[in-house]
Amino acid sequence: MEPAQIAVMIPIVALCIPIIAIWTKHLQKVAEINAQATAEKAAQYTTSNSELEERVRVLERIVTEKGYDVASQIEALRDARKVEALLDSREKEVR
């Protein structure tokens, strides 16, 4: 390289160093923001997951209780709906 080319390159390199420093700080801030958002989402998923696990435990406890008859309770609910439907239809007839 000629001395004239080196003389031109020195100020260019000197100007590039602060630009690179600013750019790397920007990238670091973006990475920190992304990490914080990811941590918040992970906390939300953990809370949601804990709630779902608790619900499953309750359901398991209900189903495995001694003397619990799921089929009869489903039928009882169906019968209750039939009775409600009949009462509703009779109320409409009366009006």
N, C-alpha and C. Protein backbone atom coordinates (compact mmCIF):
# COMPACT_ATOMS: atom_id res chain seq x y z
N MET A 1 0.84 -1.18 0.00
CA MET A 1 0.00 0.00 0.00
C MET A 1 0.88 1.24 0.00
N GLU A 2 0.38 2.21 -0.65
CA GLU A 2 1.13 3.47 -0.70
C GLU A 2 0.83 4.29 0.55
N PRO A 3 1.74 5.17 0.91
CA PRO A 3 1.52 6.01 2.09
C PRO A 3 0.27 6.88 1.98
N ALA A 4 -0.12 7.28 0.77
CA ALA A 4 -1.31 8.12 0.59
C ALA A 4 -2.57 7.30 0.89
N GLN A 5 -2.56 6.05 0.49
CA GLN A 5 -3.71 5.18 0.76
C GLN A 5 -3.83 4.91 2.27
N ILE A 6 -2.70 4.71 2.91
CA ILE A 6 -2.71 4.48 4.35
C ILE A 6 -3.22 5.72 5.08
N ALA A 7 -2.82 6.89 4.60
CA ALA A 7 -3.24 8.15 5.22
C ALA A 7 -4.75 8.33 5.09
N VAL A 8 -5.34 7.85 4.01
CA VAL A 8 -6.79 7.96 3.82
C VAL A 8 -7.50 6.92 4.68
N MET A 9 -6.93 5.73 4.82
CA MET A 9 -7.56 4.64 5.57
C MET A 9 -7.60 4.92 7.08
N ILE A 10 -6.62 5.62 7.61
CA ILE A 10 -6.56 5.87 9.05
C ILE A 10 -7.80 6.64 9.54
N PRO A 11 -8.20 7.76 8.92
CA PRO A 11 -9.41 8.44 9.41
C PRO A 11 -10.69 7.61 9.20
N ILE A 12 -10.71 6.83 8.10
CA ILE A 12 -11.90 6.00 7.85
C ILE A 12 -12.05 4.95 8.95
N VAL A 13 -10.96 4.30 9.30
CA VAL A 13 -10.99 3.29 10.37
C VAL A 13 -11.33 3.96 11.70
N ALA A 14 -10.77 5.15 11.93
CA ALA A 14 -11.04 5.86 13.17
C ALA A 14 -12.52 6.23 13.29
N LEU A 15 -13.17 6.51 12.17
CA LEU A 15 -14.60 6.83 12.19
C LEU A 15 -15.47 5.57 12.31
N CYS A 16 -14.98 4.46 11.83
CA CYS A 16 -15.75 3.21 11.87
C CYS A 16 -15.81 2.63 13.28
N ILE A 17 -14.79 2.83 14.09
CA ILE A 17 -14.75 2.24 15.43
C ILE A 17 -15.93 2.70 16.29
N PRO A 18 -16.25 4.00 16.38
CA PRO A 18 -17.42 4.39 17.19
C PRO A 18 -18.74 3.87 16.62
N ILE A 19 -18.83 3.80 15.30
CA ILE A 19 -20.05 3.28 14.67
C ILE A 19 -20.25 1.81 15.06
N ILE A 20 -19.19 1.05 15.03
CA ILE A 20 -19.27 -0.37 15.41
C ILE A 20 -19.62 -0.49 16.89
N ALA A 21 -19.07 0.37 17.73
CA ALA A 21 -19.37 0.33 19.16
C ALA A 21 -20.85 0.63 19.41
N ILE A 22 -21.38 1.64 18.72
CA ILE A 22 -22.80 1.99 18.86
C ILE A 22 -23.67 0.82 18.40
N TRP A 23 -23.30 0.23 17.27
CA TRP A 23 -24.07 -0.90 16.72
C TRP A 23 -24.08 -2.10 17.68
N THR A 24 -22.95 -2.41 18.28
CA THR A 24 -22.90 -3.55 19.19
C THR A 24 -23.71 -3.27 20.47
N LYS A 25 -23.70 -2.02 20.95
CA LYS A 25 -24.54 -1.67 22.11
C LYS A 25 -26.02 -1.83 21.77
N HIS A 26 -26.38 -1.43 20.56
CA HIS A 26 -27.76 -1.58 20.10
C HIS A 26 -28.15 -3.05 20.07
N LEU A 27 -27.30 -3.88 19.50
CA LEU A 27 -27.58 -5.31 19.43
C LEU A 27 -27.70 -5.92 20.83
N GLN A 28 -26.88 -5.45 21.76
CA GLN A 28 -26.94 -5.94 23.13
C GLN A 28 -28.27 -5.57 23.79
N LYS A 29 -28.73 -4.34 23.57
CA LYS A 29 -30.01 -3.91 24.14
C LYS A 29 -31.16 -4.72 23.55
N VAL A 30 -31.12 -4.97 22.25
CA VAL A 30 -32.16 -5.77 21.60
C VAL A 30 -32.17 -7.19 22.18
N ALA A 31 -31.00 -7.76 22.39
CA ALA A 31 -30.91 -9.10 22.97
C ALA A 31 -31.45 -9.12 24.40
N GLU A 32 -31.18 -8.07 25.19
CA GLU A 32 -31.70 -8.00 26.55
C GLU A 32 -33.22 -7.90 26.56
N ILE A 33 -33.77 -7.09 25.66
CA ILE A 33 -35.22 -6.95 25.57
C ILE A 33 -35.86 -8.28 25.18
N ASN A 34 -35.26 -8.97 24.21
CA ASN A 34 -35.79 -10.28 23.81
C ASN A 34 -35.70 -11.29 24.95
N ALA A 35 -34.62 -11.26 25.70
CA ALA A 35 -34.46 -12.18 26.82
C ALA A 35 -35.52 -11.91 27.90
N GLN A 36 -35.79 -10.64 28.16
CA GLN A 36 -36.80 -10.28 29.15
C GLN A 36 -38.18 -10.73 28.69
N ALA A 37 -38.51 -10.51 27.43
CA ALA A 37 -39.81 -10.94 26.91
C ALA A 37 -39.95 -12.46 26.98
N THR A 38 -38.88 -13.15 26.67
CA THR A 38 -38.90 -14.60 26.72
C THR A 38 -39.08 -15.09 28.16
N ALA A 39 -38.43 -14.44 29.10
CA ALA A 39 -38.58 -14.82 30.51
C ALA A 39 -40.01 -14.59 30.98
N GLU A 40 -40.63 -13.49 30.56
CA GLU A 40 -42.01 -13.21 30.95
C GLU A 40 -42.95 -14.26 30.38
N LYS A 41 -42.74 -14.63 29.12
CA LYS A 41 -43.58 -15.67 28.51
C LYS A 41 -43.39 -17.00 29.21
N ALA A 42 -42.17 -17.31 29.57
CA ALA A 42 -41.90 -18.57 30.27
C ALA A 42 -42.61 -18.59 31.62
N ALA A 43 -42.62 -17.46 32.30
CA ALA A 43 -43.32 -17.38 33.60
C ALA A 43 -44.82 -17.57 33.41
N GLN A 44 -45.37 -16.98 32.36
CA GLN A 44 -46.80 -17.14 32.08
C GLN A 44 -47.12 -18.60 31.77
N TYR A 45 -46.28 -19.24 30.96
CA TYR A 45 -46.50 -20.65 30.62
C TYR A 45 -46.38 -21.53 31.86
N THR A 46 -45.46 -21.21 32.73
CA THR A 46 -45.29 -21.98 33.96
C THR A 46 -46.53 -21.87 34.83
N THR A 47 -47.06 -20.66 34.96
CA THR A 47 -48.28 -20.46 35.75
C THR A 47 -49.44 -21.21 35.15
N SER A 48 -49.60 -21.08 33.83
CA SER A 48 -50.68 -21.78 33.14
C SER A 48 -50.54 -23.28 33.28
N ASN A 49 -49.32 -23.76 33.14
CA ASN A 49 -49.06 -25.19 33.25
C ASN A 49 -49.39 -25.69 34.66
N SER A 50 -49.03 -24.92 35.67
CA SER A 50 -49.33 -25.30 37.05
C SER A 50 -50.83 -25.38 37.28
N GLU A 51 -51.57 -24.41 36.74
CA GLU A 51 -53.02 -24.43 36.89
C GLU A 51 -53.62 -25.66 36.21
N LEU A 52 -53.14 -25.99 35.03
CA LEU A 52 -53.64 -27.17 34.32
C LEU A 52 -53.31 -28.45 35.07
N GLU A 53 -52.11 -28.52 35.62
CA GLU A 53 -51.73 -29.71 36.40
C GLU A 53 -52.64 -29.87 37.61
N GLU A 54 -52.97 -28.77 38.27
CA GLU A 54 -53.86 -28.84 39.43
C GLU A 54 -55.25 -29.31 39.01
N ARG A 55 -55.74 -28.83 37.88
CA ARG A 55 -57.05 -29.28 37.39
C ARG A 55 -57.04 -30.77 37.09
N VAL A 56 -55.97 -31.23 36.47
CA VAL A 56 -55.87 -32.67 36.17
C VAL A 56 -55.85 -33.48 37.46
N ARG A 57 -55.14 -33.00 38.47
CA ARG A 57 -55.11 -33.71 39.76
C ARG A 57 -56.50 -33.82 40.36
N VAL A 58 -57.26 -32.71 40.28
CA VAL A 58 -58.62 -32.72 40.81
C VAL A 58 -59.48 -33.72 40.04
N LEU A 59 -59.38 -33.70 38.72
CA LEU A 59 -60.16 -34.64 37.92
C LEU A 59 -59.77 -36.08 38.21
N GLU A 60 -58.48 -36.33 38.35
CA GLU A 60 -58.03 -37.69 38.68
C GLU A 60 -58.60 -38.12 40.02
N ARG A 61 -58.60 -37.21 40.98
CA ARG A 61 -59.12 -37.53 42.31
C ARG A 61 -60.60 -37.84 42.23
N ILE A 62 -61.34 -37.05 41.45
CA ILE A 62 -62.78 -37.26 41.32
C ILE A 62 -63.06 -38.62 40.69
N VAL A 63 -62.37 -38.93 39.60
CA VAL A 63 -62.64 -40.16 38.86
C VAL A 63 -62.19 -41.39 39.64
N THR A 64 -61.15 -41.28 40.42
CA THR A 64 -60.64 -42.46 41.11
C THR A 64 -61.23 -42.65 42.51
N GLU A 65 -62.10 -41.73 42.94
CA GLU A 65 -62.72 -41.90 44.25
C GLU A 65 -63.55 -43.17 44.28
N LYS A 66 -63.52 -43.84 45.39
CA LYS A 66 -64.27 -45.09 45.54
C LYS A 66 -65.76 -44.79 45.49
N GLY A 67 -66.47 -45.59 44.71
CA GLY A 67 -67.91 -45.44 44.61
C GLY A 67 -68.36 -44.37 43.63
N TYR A 68 -67.45 -43.77 42.92
CA TYR A 68 -67.82 -42.73 41.97
C TYR A 68 -68.24 -43.38 40.67
N ASP A 69 -69.44 -43.08 40.25
CA ASP A 69 -69.97 -43.70 39.05
C ASP A 69 -70.21 -42.63 37.99
N VAL A 70 -69.29 -42.50 37.06
CA VAL A 70 -69.34 -41.45 36.06
C VAL A 70 -70.56 -41.61 35.16
N ALA A 71 -70.81 -42.83 34.72
CA ALA A 71 -71.91 -43.07 33.79
C ALA A 71 -73.25 -42.68 34.40
N SER A 72 -73.47 -43.03 35.65
CA SER A 72 -74.76 -42.69 36.27
C SER A 72 -74.91 -41.19 36.45
N GLN A 73 -73.83 -40.50 36.74
CA GLN A 73 -73.93 -39.05 36.87
C GLN A 73 -74.18 -38.38 35.52
N ILE A 74 -73.58 -38.91 34.46
CA ILE A 74 -73.84 -38.36 33.12
C ILE A 74 -75.31 -38.57 32.77
N GLU A 75 -75.82 -39.75 33.04
CA GLU A 75 -77.23 -40.03 32.77
C GLU A 75 -78.13 -39.12 33.59
N ALA A 76 -77.76 -38.87 34.84
CA ALA A 76 -78.55 -37.98 35.69
C ALA A 76 -78.59 -36.58 35.09
N LEU A 77 -77.47 -36.13 34.56
CA LEU A 77 -77.44 -34.81 33.92
C LEU A 77 -78.33 -34.80 32.68
N ARG A 78 -78.28 -35.87 31.90
CA ARG A 78 -79.14 -35.95 30.72
C ARG A 78 -80.60 -35.93 31.11
N ASP A 79 -80.96 -36.69 32.16
CA ASP A 79 -82.34 -36.70 32.63
C ASP A 79 -82.76 -35.31 33.10
N ALA A 80 -81.88 -34.61 33.80
CA ALA A 80 -82.20 -33.26 34.28
C ALA A 80 -82.44 -32.33 33.10
N ARG A 81 -81.68 -32.47 32.05
CA ARG A 81 -81.88 -31.63 30.85
C ARG A 81 -83.22 -31.95 30.20
N LYS A 82 -83.58 -33.23 30.16
CA LYS A 82 -84.87 -33.60 29.58
C LYS A 82 -86.01 -32.99 30.37
N VAL A 83 -85.91 -33.04 31.69
CA VAL A 83 -86.95 -32.46 32.55
C VAL A 83 -87.03 -30.96 32.32
N GLU A 84 -85.88 -30.30 32.26
CA GLU A 84 -85.88 -28.85 32.00
C GLU A 84 -86.50 -28.53 30.65
N ALA A 85 -86.21 -29.32 29.64
CA ALA A 85 -86.78 -29.09 28.31
C ALA A 85 -88.29 -29.26 28.34
N LEU A 86 -88.77 -30.28 29.04
CA LEU A 86 -90.21 -30.49 29.16
C LEU A 86 -90.88 -29.32 29.89
N LEU A 87 -90.29 -28.86 30.97
CA LEU A 87 -90.86 -27.74 31.70
C LEU A 87 -90.89 -26.48 30.85
N ASP A 88 -89.83 -26.25 30.10
CA ASP A 88 -89.78 -25.07 29.22
C ASP A 88 -90.88 -25.14 28.14
N SER A 89 -91.06 -26.33 27.57
CA SER A 89 -92.09 -26.45 26.53
C SER A 89 -93.49 -26.26 27.10
N ARG A 90 -93.74 -26.72 28.34
CA ARG A 90 -95.05 -26.56 28.97
C ARG A 90 -95.28 -25.09 29.32
N GLU A 91 -94.23 -24.39 29.74
CA GLU A 91 -94.36 -22.96 30.04
C GLU A 91 -94.74 -22.19 28.78
N LYS A 92 -94.17 -22.57 27.65
CA LYS A 92 -94.49 -21.89 26.38
C LYS A 92 -95.92 -22.17 25.97
N GLU A 93 -96.39 -23.38 26.24
CA GLU A 93 -97.79 -23.73 25.91
C GLU A 93 -98.76 -22.93 26.75
N VAL A 94 -98.42 -22.70 28.00
CA VAL A 94 -99.30 -21.98 28.91
C VAL A 94 -99.40 -20.51 28.48
N ARG A 95 -98.34 -19.95 28.02
CA ARG A 95 -98.32 -18.52 27.61
C ARG A 95 -99.09 -18.38 26.36
